[in-house]
Protein backbone atom coordinates (compact mmCIF):
# COMPACT_ATOMS: atom_id res chain seq x y z
CA MET A 1 -16.06 31.33 -9.20
CA PRO A 2 -15.04 28.18 -11.08
CA ASP A 3 -16.71 24.88 -10.27
CA HIS A 4 -13.40 23.01 -10.43
CA PHE A 5 -9.75 23.19 -9.48
CA PHE A 6 -6.59 21.68 -10.93
CA VAL A 7 -4.11 19.26 -9.39
CA TYR A 8 -0.62 18.85 -10.83
CA PRO A 9 1.55 15.84 -9.91
CA ALA A 10 4.10 18.29 -8.44
CA TYR A 11 1.57 19.10 -5.68
CA VAL A 12 2.13 15.66 -4.12
CA SER A 13 5.66 14.93 -5.33
CA ARG A 14 8.31 13.94 -2.80
CA GLY A 15 11.02 15.22 -5.15
CA SER A 16 9.57 18.72 -5.14
CA THR A 17 10.01 21.43 -2.52
CA ARG A 18 7.36 23.81 -1.27
CA ALA A 19 9.04 26.55 -3.32
CA LEU A 20 8.75 24.38 -6.44
CA GLY A 21 5.08 23.61 -5.87
CA ARG A 22 4.63 20.78 -3.38
CA ARG A 23 1.42 21.48 -1.44
CA VAL A 24 1.43 18.65 1.09
CA PRO A 25 3.81 17.82 3.95
CA GLN A 26 6.92 15.83 3.01
CA THR A 27 5.64 12.94 5.14
CA LEU A 28 2.56 12.58 2.88
CA ALA A 29 4.33 13.22 -0.42
CA VAL A 30 4.94 10.34 -2.84
CA SER A 31 7.42 9.73 -5.60
CA ASP A 32 6.32 9.31 -9.19
CA ALA A 33 2.61 10.11 -8.94
CA THR A 34 1.05 10.12 -12.40
CA VAL A 35 -1.97 11.97 -13.72
CA GLU A 36 -3.78 8.66 -14.27
CA GLU A 37 -3.08 7.58 -10.70
CA ILE A 38 -4.34 10.91 -9.33
CA VAL A 39 -7.55 10.57 -11.38
CA GLU A 40 -8.11 7.04 -10.09
CA VAL A 41 -7.58 8.00 -6.44
CA ALA A 42 -9.72 11.15 -6.76
CA ARG A 43 -12.57 9.06 -8.13
CA LYS A 44 -12.10 6.57 -5.30
CA LEU A 45 -12.47 9.50 -2.88
CA GLY A 46 -15.80 10.38 -4.52
CA PHE A 47 -14.74 13.29 -6.73
CA THR A 48 -15.33 13.75 -10.43
CA ALA A 49 -11.92 13.92 -12.07
CA SER A 50 -10.60 14.07 -15.61
CA ALA A 51 -7.05 13.96 -16.93
CA GLU A 52 -5.55 16.70 -19.09
CA PRO A 53 -2.27 15.04 -20.12
CA ASP A 54 -1.17 17.73 -22.58
CA LYS A 55 -0.96 20.49 -19.94
CA GLN A 56 2.17 21.68 -18.19
CA TYR A 57 2.80 22.91 -14.67
CA PRO A 58 3.56 26.66 -14.84
CA ARG A 59 6.60 26.32 -12.57
CA ALA A 60 8.09 23.62 -14.80
CA VAL A 61 7.42 24.87 -18.32
CA HIS A 62 9.87 22.40 -19.82
CA ALA A 63 7.88 19.33 -18.70
CA TYR A 64 4.41 18.28 -19.83
CA SER A 65 3.44 16.14 -16.87
CA GLY A 66 -0.26 16.92 -17.26
CA ARG A 67 -2.87 17.98 -14.76
CA VAL A 68 -6.13 16.72 -13.31
CA ARG A 69 -9.36 18.69 -13.31
CA ILE A 70 -11.34 18.05 -10.11
CA ALA A 71 -14.97 19.08 -9.67
CA LYS A 72 -15.46 20.98 -6.42
CA LYS A 73 -17.68 19.64 -3.67
CA PRO A 74 -19.42 21.93 -1.20
CA GLY A 75 -17.55 22.16 2.08
CA VAL A 76 -14.33 20.55 0.84
CA ALA A 77 -11.36 22.88 0.50
CA LYS A 78 -8.62 22.20 -2.04
CA THR A 79 -6.03 21.82 0.74
CA ALA A 80 -8.15 19.23 2.54
CA PHE A 81 -8.62 17.36 -0.74
CA LEU A 82 -4.87 17.40 -1.42
CA HIS A 83 -4.17 15.94 2.03
CA GLN A 84 -6.73 13.16 1.45
CA LEU A 85 -5.28 12.50 -1.99
CA ALA A 86 -1.69 12.37 -0.74
CA ASP A 87 -2.66 10.10 2.17
CA GLU A 88 -4.38 7.64 -0.18
CA LEU A 89 -1.49 7.77 -2.66
CA SER A 90 0.96 7.07 0.19
CA ARG A 91 -1.05 4.02 1.25
CA ARG A 92 -1.23 2.80 -2.31
CA HIS A 93 2.53 3.18 -2.86
CA ALA A 94 3.28 1.45 0.46
CA ALA A 95 1.04 -1.47 -0.50
CA GLU A 96 2.73 -1.78 -3.90
CA ALA A 97 6.15 -1.76 -2.24
CA LYS A 98 5.17 -4.77 -0.09
CA HIS A 99 4.44 -6.89 -3.16
């Protein structure tokens, strides 16, 4: 069993559908999440994260949007992490929109 999992920007993208790879509810999804932003938020949530910018999402082989490697923590499921990540990204995007 690997000690990590991967997060692609499409997992939290508002422009993506569930069929195309979005893994969070539309209400939590954000537009234009970058690999660097996901790394920053994951670290803020207490996870070890590293960017892999040269990777591509298997469902979008034409685009190299990158991925983030997240070290697993005991008792934290990937789905729960993705919800926390999307919630924090939503707050961050809302705060940036106010400025």
